Protein backbone atom coordinates (compact mmCIF):
# COMPACT_ATOMS: atom_id res chain seq x y z
CA UNK A 1 11.22 -29.32 -4.76
CA UNK A 2 10.52 -25.66 -6.47
CA UNK A 3 13.38 -23.29 -7.45
CA UNK A 4 13.33 -19.93 -8.26
CA UNK A 5 15.95 -17.66 -9.87
CA UNK A 6 17.69 -14.43 -8.03
CA UNK A 7 16.89 -11.82 -10.40
CA UNK A 8 20.64 -10.51 -9.77
CA UNK A 9 22.36 -13.76 -10.42
CA UNK A 10 22.05 -17.22 -11.65
CA UNK A 11 21.76 -19.13 -8.35
CA UNK A 12 18.23 -21.25 -8.51
CA UNK A 13 17.14 -21.02 -4.81
CA UNK A 14 14.80 -23.62 -3.27
CA UNK A 15 11.16 -22.30 -2.03
CA UNK A 16 11.73 -24.15 1.38
CA UNK A 17 14.96 -23.50 2.87
CA UNK A 18 16.26 -23.94 6.72
CA UNK A 19 16.33 -21.73 9.49
CA UNK A 20 18.61 -22.59 12.38
CA UNK A 21 17.06 -20.67 15.68
CA UNK A 22 16.07 -23.29 17.06
CA UNK A 23 18.07 -26.29 15.94
CA UNK A 24 20.94 -25.94 17.88
CA UNK A 25 19.32 -27.46 21.12
CA UNK A 26 18.96 -31.00 19.34
CA UNK A 27 22.54 -31.91 19.31
CA UNK A 28 25.13 -32.85 16.89
CA UNK A 29 23.79 -35.90 15.58
CA UNK A 30 20.12 -34.80 15.03
CA UNK A 31 21.39 -31.45 13.92
CA UNK A 32 23.49 -33.75 11.17
CA UNK A 33 20.75 -35.77 10.27
CA UNK A 34 18.52 -33.07 9.72
CA UNK A 35 20.76 -31.33 7.30
CA UNK A 36 21.01 -34.52 5.34
CA UNK A 37 17.77 -34.98 5.18
CA UNK A 38 17.25 -31.26 3.90
CA UNK A 39 19.88 -32.04 1.29
CA UNK A 40 18.75 -35.50 0.23
CA UNK A 41 15.33 -33.83 -0.31
CA UNK A 42 16.51 -30.93 -2.73
CA UNK A 43 16.89 -27.76 0.02
CA UNK A 44 19.83 -25.73 -0.98
CA UNK A 45 19.36 -22.41 0.79
CA UNK A 46 20.47 -22.11 4.53
CA UNK A 47 20.29 -19.11 7.30
CA UNK A 48 22.81 -18.64 9.78
CA UNK A 49 21.21 -16.38 11.82
CA UNK A 50 21.17 -19.22 14.76
CA UNK A 51 20.27 -19.07 18.42
CA UNK A 52 23.63 -20.70 19.34
CA UNK A 53 26.91 -21.77 17.97
CA UNK A 54 26.06 -25.29 17.63
CA UNK A 55 24.53 -25.56 14.21
CA UNK A 56 28.06 -23.88 12.56
CA UNK A 57 30.38 -26.61 12.44
CA UNK A 58 27.79 -29.37 11.74
CA UNK A 59 26.90 -27.73 8.72
CA UNK A 60 30.34 -27.33 7.40
CA UNK A 61 30.89 -31.07 7.92
CA UNK A 62 27.44 -31.87 5.98
CA UNK A 63 28.41 -29.13 3.61
CA UNK A 64 31.70 -29.88 2.73
CA UNK A 65 31.56 -32.01 -0.33
CA UNK A 66 28.52 -30.15 -1.65
CA UNK A 67 29.18 -26.33 -0.97
CA UNK A 68 29.18 -25.02 -4.22
CA UNK A 69 25.46 -26.76 -4.44
CA UNK A 70 24.49 -24.98 -1.55
CA UNK A 71 23.48 -21.15 -0.51
CA UNK A 72 24.73 -19.63 3.15
CA UNK A 73 22.80 -16.48 4.53
CA UNK A 74 25.26 -15.04 6.59
CA UNK A 75 24.71 -12.51 8.78
CA UNK A 76 26.98 -9.19 9.77
CA UNK A 77 25.85 -8.29 13.22
CA UNK A 78 24.98 -12.09 14.62
CA UNK A 79 27.82 -12.25 17.14
CA UNK A 80 28.38 -15.91 18.76
CA UNK A 81 31.73 -15.26 20.68
CA UNK A 82 29.64 -16.24 24.06
CA UNK A 83 28.62 -18.91 22.15
CA UNK A 84 24.93 -17.72 22.09
CA UNK A 85 23.48 -15.11 19.62
CA UNK A 86 24.38 -11.90 20.20
CA UNK A 87 23.04 -8.44 18.19
CA UNK A 88 26.12 -5.95 17.54
CA UNK A 89 26.97 -3.21 14.99
CA UNK A 90 30.57 -2.95 16.04
CA UNK A 91 32.99 -3.66 13.12
CA UNK A 92 35.51 -5.18 15.06
CA UNK A 93 33.14 -7.67 16.54
CA UNK A 94 31.68 -8.16 13.27
CA UNK A 95 35.11 -9.09 11.61
CA UNK A 96 35.90 -11.47 14.48
CA UNK A 97 32.23 -13.44 14.08
CA UNK A 98 32.87 -13.73 10.18
CA UNK A 99 36.15 -15.24 10.65
CA UNK A 100 34.87 -17.65 13.03
CA UNK A 101 31.68 -18.39 11.02
CA UNK A 102 33.78 -19.05 7.75
CA UNK A 103 35.89 -21.27 9.55
CA UNK A 104 33.05 -23.44 11.19
CA UNK A 105 31.45 -23.40 8.35
CA UNK A 106 34.73 -24.40 6.34
CA UNK A 107 34.25 -22.28 3.41
CA UNK A 108 36.13 -19.47 1.83
CA UNK A 109 33.10 -17.32 0.68
CA UNK A 110 29.38 -15.72 1.56
CA UNK A 111 26.90 -16.18 -0.92
CA UNK A 112 24.81 -13.90 0.58
CA UNK A 113 26.51 -11.59 3.24
CA UNK A 114 23.71 -9.81 5.10
CA UNK A 115 23.24 -6.42 7.07
CA UNK A 116 21.75 -7.98 9.80
CA UNK A 117 18.49 -7.10 12.11
CA UNK A 118 18.09 -3.28 11.01
CA UNK A 119 15.00 -2.44 12.38
CA UNK A 120 15.84 1.18 13.06
CA UNK A 121 17.19 3.92 10.78
CA UNK A 122 19.32 4.97 13.37
CA UNK A 123 20.80 0.97 13.31
CA UNK A 124 21.13 1.87 9.71
CA UNK A 125 22.74 4.80 10.25
CA UNK A 126 25.23 2.70 12.91
CA UNK A 127 26.21 0.25 10.04
CA UNK A 128 27.04 3.00 7.54
CA UNK A 129 28.68 5.42 10.19
CA UNK A 130 30.85 2.71 11.59
CA UNK A 131 32.11 0.66 8.64
CA UNK A 132 29.81 -2.10 8.29
CA UNK A 133 28.38 -1.63 4.74
CA UNK A 134 31.99 -0.72 3.43
CA UNK A 135 33.38 -4.07 4.79
CA UNK A 136 30.76 -6.00 2.90
CA UNK A 137 31.06 -3.88 0.31
CA UNK A 138 35.03 -4.87 0.22
CA UNK A 139 34.71 -8.45 0.63
CA UNK A 140 32.17 -7.92 -2.61
CA UNK A 141 34.92 -6.46 -4.56
CA UNK A 142 37.36 -9.19 -3.07
CA UNK A 143 34.81 -12.01 -3.89
CA UNK A 144 34.49 -13.47 -0.29
CA UNK A 145 31.13 -12.06 -0.38
CA UNK A 146 28.84 -12.95 -3.89
CA UNK A 147 25.73 -10.96 -3.02
CA UNK A 148 24.75 -8.58 -0.47
CA UNK A 149 21.55 -8.67 1.41
CA UNK A 150 19.56 -7.14 4.41
CA UNK A 151 17.46 -8.73 7.36
CA UNK A 152 14.77 -6.32 8.42
CA UNK A 153 11.34 -6.14 9.86
CA UNK A 154 10.55 -2.62 9.06
CA UNK A 155 9.49 -1.10 5.60
CA UNK A 156 11.13 2.17 6.08
CA UNK A 157 14.47 0.78 7.00
CA UNK A 158 14.48 -1.59 3.93
CA UNK A 159 13.37 1.18 1.42
CA UNK A 160 16.30 3.30 2.80
CA UNK A 161 18.47 0.54 1.75
CA UNK A 162 16.83 -0.24 -1.66
CA UNK A 163 17.54 3.47 -2.21
CA UNK A 164 21.42 2.71 -1.91
CA UNK A 165 21.03 0.39 -5.08
CA UNK A 166 23.23 -2.51 -3.08
CA UNK A 167 20.46 -4.97 -2.28
CA UNK A 168 20.09 -8.95 -4.19
CA UNK A 169 17.98 -10.15 -1.68
CA UNK A 170 15.88 -9.37 1.57
CA UNK A 171 14.82 -11.48 4.65
CA UNK A 172 11.75 -9.41 5.70
CA UNK A 173 9.12 -11.05 8.08
CA UNK A 174 6.13 -12.23 6.01
CA UNK A 175 3.00 -13.70 7.23
CA UNK A 176 -0.79 -12.53 7.53
CA UNK A 177 -0.72 -11.58 11.21
CA UNK A 178 2.09 -8.91 10.67
CA UNK A 179 0.44 -7.81 6.84
CA UNK A 180 -2.91 -7.11 8.56
CA UNK A 181 -1.90 -5.32 11.77
CA UNK A 182 -1.13 -8.08 14.34
CA UNK A 183 2.58 -9.07 16.32
CA UNK A 184 5.35 -7.43 17.51
CA UNK A 185 6.62 -7.09 14.17
CA UNK A 186 3.55 -6.00 12.40
CA UNK A 187 5.11 -2.24 11.08
CA UNK A 188 3.27 -0.92 8.22
CA UNK A 189 0.29 -1.29 6.90
CA UNK A 190 -1.61 -3.83 4.31
CA UNK A 191 -0.75 -1.29 1.09
CA UNK A 192 2.77 -0.36 2.78
CA UNK A 193 3.76 -4.33 3.08
CA UNK A 194 2.62 -4.77 -0.28
CA UNK A 195 4.07 -1.78 -1.86
CA UNK A 196 7.51 -3.06 -0.22
CA UNK A 197 6.91 -6.40 -2.06
CA UNK A 198 5.74 -5.03 -5.12
CA UNK A 199 8.96 -2.64 -5.50
CA UNK A 200 11.34 -5.52 -4.61
CA UNK A 201 10.55 -7.28 -7.36
CA UNK A 202 10.32 -4.54 -9.71
CA UNK A 203 13.81 -3.98 -8.88
CA UNK A 204 15.01 -7.57 -9.11
CA UNK A 205 15.55 -7.99 -5.15
CA UNK A 206 14.85 -11.38 -4.26
CA UNK A 207 12.87 -11.60 -1.28
CA UNK A 208 13.36 -14.97 1.63
CA UNK A 209 10.65 -14.81 4.21
CA UNK A 210 11.37 -15.54 7.96
CA UNK A 211 8.56 -15.43 10.79
CA UNK A 212 6.14 -16.98 8.39
CA UNK A 213 3.97 -18.68 11.27
CA UNK A 214 4.86 -15.48 13.48
CA UNK A 215 6.89 -17.73 15.90
CA UNK A 216 4.11 -20.30 15.77
CA UNK A 217 1.13 -18.00 16.99
CA UNK A 218 -0.53 -18.17 13.61
CA UNK A 219 -1.00 -22.11 13.98
CA UNK A 220 -2.95 -22.37 17.62
CA UNK A 221 -6.21 -20.43 17.67
CA UNK A 222 -5.48 -19.68 21.30
CA UNK A 223 -2.54 -17.22 20.04
CA UNK A 224 -3.57 -16.48 16.74
CA UNK A 225 -4.63 -12.95 16.30
CA UNK A 226 -7.50 -13.91 14.32
CA UNK A 227 -9.20 -16.03 16.78
CA UNK A 228 -8.52 -18.81 14.24
CA UNK A 229 -5.75 -21.29 14.10
CA UNK A 230 -4.22 -20.95 10.09
CA UNK A 231 -2.00 -24.44 8.96
CA UNK A 232 1.94 -24.13 8.17
CA UNK A 233 1.08 -24.89 4.70
CA UNK A 234 -1.46 -22.17 4.04
CA UNK A 235 1.02 -19.59 5.74
CA UNK A 236 3.93 -21.09 3.33
CA UNK A 237 1.62 -20.53 0.47
CA UNK A 238 0.46 -17.16 1.34
CA UNK A 239 4.41 -15.81 1.66
CA UNK A 240 5.31 -17.77 -1.47
CA UNK A 241 2.37 -15.60 -3.51
CA UNK A 242 3.79 -12.47 -2.50
CA UNK A 243 5.96 -10.57 -5.12
CA UNK A 244 9.33 -10.96 -5.37
CA UNK A 245 9.67 -13.74 -2.96
CA UNK A 246 12.11 -16.79 -3.83
CA UNK A 247 12.46 -18.97 -0.39
CA UNK A 248 10.16 -19.63 2.85
CA UNK A 249 12.78 -20.29 5.37
CA UNK A 250 11.28 -21.53 8.66
CA UNK A 251 13.10 -22.55 11.56
CA UNK A 252 13.18 -26.41 12.21
CA UNK A 253 14.02 -28.36 15.58
CA UNK A 254 14.69 -31.85 14.09
CA UNK A 255 14.13 -34.30 11.59
CA UNK A 256 10.44 -34.15 12.18
CA UNK A 257 9.59 -30.60 11.60
CA UNK A 258 11.47 -30.69 8.56
CA UNK A 259 9.79 -33.93 7.21
CA UNK A 260 6.38 -32.16 8.13
CA UNK A 261 6.65 -28.99 6.15
CA UNK A 262 8.46 -30.63 3.34
CA UNK A 263 5.09 -32.27 3.20
CA UNK A 264 3.71 -28.94 1.51
CA UNK A 265 5.70 -29.89 -1.81
CA UNK A 266 2.92 -32.62 -2.25
CA UNK A 267 0.03 -30.83 -0.46
CA UNK A 268 -3.05 -30.71 -2.83
CA UNK A 269 -4.40 -27.04 -3.61
CA UNK A 270 -6.98 -27.17 -1.15
CA UNK A 271 -4.73 -27.58 1.96
CA UNK A 272 -2.65 -24.60 0.75
CA UNK A 273 -5.46 -22.65 0.46
CA UNK A 274 -5.72 -19.56 2.57
CA UNK A 275 -8.81 -17.46 1.49
CA UNK A 276 -10.11 -17.84 4.76
CA UNK A 277 -8.06 -14.83 5.40
CA UNK A 278 -10.70 -12.78 3.68
CA UNK A 279 -12.95 -13.68 6.80
CA UNK A 280 -11.34 -11.52 9.25
CA UNK A 281 -8.85 -9.46 7.41
CA UNK A 282 -9.48 -5.55 8.77
CA UNK A 283 -11.46 -3.25 6.71
CA UNK A 284 -8.26 -1.20 5.80
CA UNK A 285 -7.06 -4.51 4.26
CA UNK A 286 -10.36 -5.22 2.12
CA UNK A 287 -9.82 -4.46 -1.58
CA UNK A 288 -6.61 -5.53 -2.19
CA UNK A 289 -5.57 -8.18 -4.13
CA UNK A 290 -3.10 -10.33 -2.86
CA UNK A 291 -3.18 -12.91 -5.88
CA UNK A 292 -4.76 -15.86 -4.19
CA UNK A 293 -6.73 -16.90 -7.12
CA UNK A 294 -9.54 -17.99 -4.85
CA UNK A 295 -11.72 -16.52 -7.57
CA UNK A 296 -10.51 -19.25 -9.79
CA UNK A 297 -11.72 -21.03 -12.50
CA UNK A 298 -12.55 -17.84 -14.41
CA UNK A 299 -15.61 -18.48 -17.00
CA UNK A 300 -13.13 -16.76 -19.57
CA UNK A 301 -9.99 -18.51 -18.57
CA UNK A 302 -8.40 -15.47 -16.96
CA UNK A 303 -5.82 -15.95 -14.71
CA UNK A 304 -7.34 -13.37 -12.36
CA UNK A 305 -4.20 -13.23 -9.93
CA UNK A 306 -1.50 -13.17 -12.51
CA UNK A 307 -2.98 -10.11 -14.19
CA UNK A 308 -3.49 -8.26 -10.91
CA UNK A 309 0.46 -9.12 -10.09
CA UNK A 310 1.79 -7.91 -13.47
CA UNK A 311 -0.78 -4.70 -13.10
CA UNK A 312 0.73 -3.68 -9.72
CA UNK A 313 4.37 -4.42 -10.57
CA UNK A 314 4.32 -2.74 -14.14
CA UNK A 315 3.05 0.33 -11.75
CA UNK A 316 5.57 -0.28 -9.33
CA UNK A 317 8.44 0.33 -12.13
CA UNK A 318 8.95 -3.34 -12.99
CA UNK A 319 10.34 -2.84 -16.23
CA UNK A 320 9.60 -6.75 -17.75
CA UNK A 321 5.95 -7.24 -16.21
CA UNK A 322 4.39 -5.54 -19.49
CA UNK A 323 6.05 -7.92 -21.42
CA UNK A 324 5.20 -10.68 -19.06
CA UNK A 325 1.30 -9.34 -18.92
CA UNK A 326 1.32 -9.21 -23.42
CA UNK A 327 2.56 -13.13 -23.18
CA UNK A 328 -0.43 -14.16 -21.23
CA UNK A 329 -3.30 -16.18 -23.23
CA UNK A 330 -5.89 -14.36 -21.73
CA UNK A 331 -5.86 -10.35 -20.82
CA UNK A 332 -7.87 -8.01 -19.05
CA UNK A 333 -9.80 -7.17 -21.87
CA UNK A 334 -11.11 -10.87 -22.40
CA UNK A 335 -13.21 -9.93 -19.24
CA UNK A 336 -16.65 -11.01 -19.99
CA UNK A 337 -17.60 -8.95 -16.40
CA UNK A 338 -19.72 -12.01 -15.52
CA UNK A 339 -19.07 -11.04 -11.60
CA UNK A 340 -17.79 -14.71 -10.58
CA UNK A 341 -14.77 -13.26 -9.14
CA UNK A 342 -16.44 -10.72 -7.43
CA UNK A 343 -18.62 -12.89 -5.60
CA UNK A 344 -15.61 -15.32 -5.10
CA UNK A 345 -12.83 -13.09 -3.99
CA UNK A 346 -12.49 -13.38 -0.29
CA UNK A 347 -10.85 -10.07 0.26
CA UNK A 348 -13.73 -8.01 -1.46
CA UNK A 349 -12.14 -6.95 -4.67
CA UNK A 350 -14.05 -5.37 -7.57
CA UNK A 351 -11.94 -7.48 -9.67
CA UNK A 352 -15.10 -6.74 -12.79
CA UNK A 353 -13.45 -3.10 -12.34
CA UNK A 354 -10.24 -3.98 -12.09
CA UNK A 355 -10.21 -5.68 -15.40
CA UNK A 356 -11.51 -2.40 -17.02
CA UNK A 357 -8.79 -0.37 -15.41
CA UNK A 358 -6.25 -3.14 -16.20
CA UNK A 359 -7.36 -2.89 -20.08
CA UNK A 360 -7.27 0.71 -19.95
CA UNK A 361 -3.23 0.70 -18.72
CA UNK A 362 -2.03 -2.17 -20.89
CA UNK A 363 -4.13 -1.41 -24.06
CA UNK A 364 -5.92 -4.49 -24.15
């Protein structure tokens, strides 16, 4: 397993986590076996936005002896009073739901306390006016909540919460379909969404990824908005390559799903390569470097994707990006203008021009 460090903390988070949206129907025995397999294989990051209440007590039993080694995302607004998932912004209901979740999970603290599924500005206003945000901040001061998070599908809402300076983690929907204007949650254009990812990294806000497969639509040519199926591994790599992303959290139904997804860790680069996207992305996404490194190998040994990423992050305000750029073995100024990357870029980025621009910006 590979781990990435939370910028605002010391936690190291597995790049593959476990979503609980579908596992409840598997039954207690299979849920437990799936969680045990995840722990055995190094998964330490678990999202608790479940479709029903079934996983909570099973997770609590499975994690009892390893609680300090795992991290829970718990959602302030996900309500399980009826046994099935419900969404609420009512403070009293949220208090009762959080108390129940803590008891079921056999824990007295929450690693990441999330403002849950705020997709409208009016929803954000409700949790602020209704005291939900103040409640999470109170629990943070008391030590019950370690970090504050937000789950959303809407860049505008995320940017407003980022302006408050309270976030350590964002759960956001990232996949090629949404980024390129396809699907129910395709909110914001390609450039706007990429700017959000860069802002998160610049401000030290990690991203955990939901809906990496667009609810499975991207995996089937009949439902893919591109008319061509992608693989799970392509979608996972696509998300992991975005600035700020720490982990992808696919929902699994059982051990078989988890075992298949864990195969990503040993998959060869060609199985993860998503450059085929460049053949069917819309024209307004053309010219945007997505750091896929399909242009490699560079004849002059430049890491073209990383050079682009540090440049974009520096312009977004990341104070560390310039230092990271300076420590690269090769810089934009080392480009020999051979055009190899221009010819290979599936997203039609004129990288030779970008290298001149980046050299001017950084001075080397």
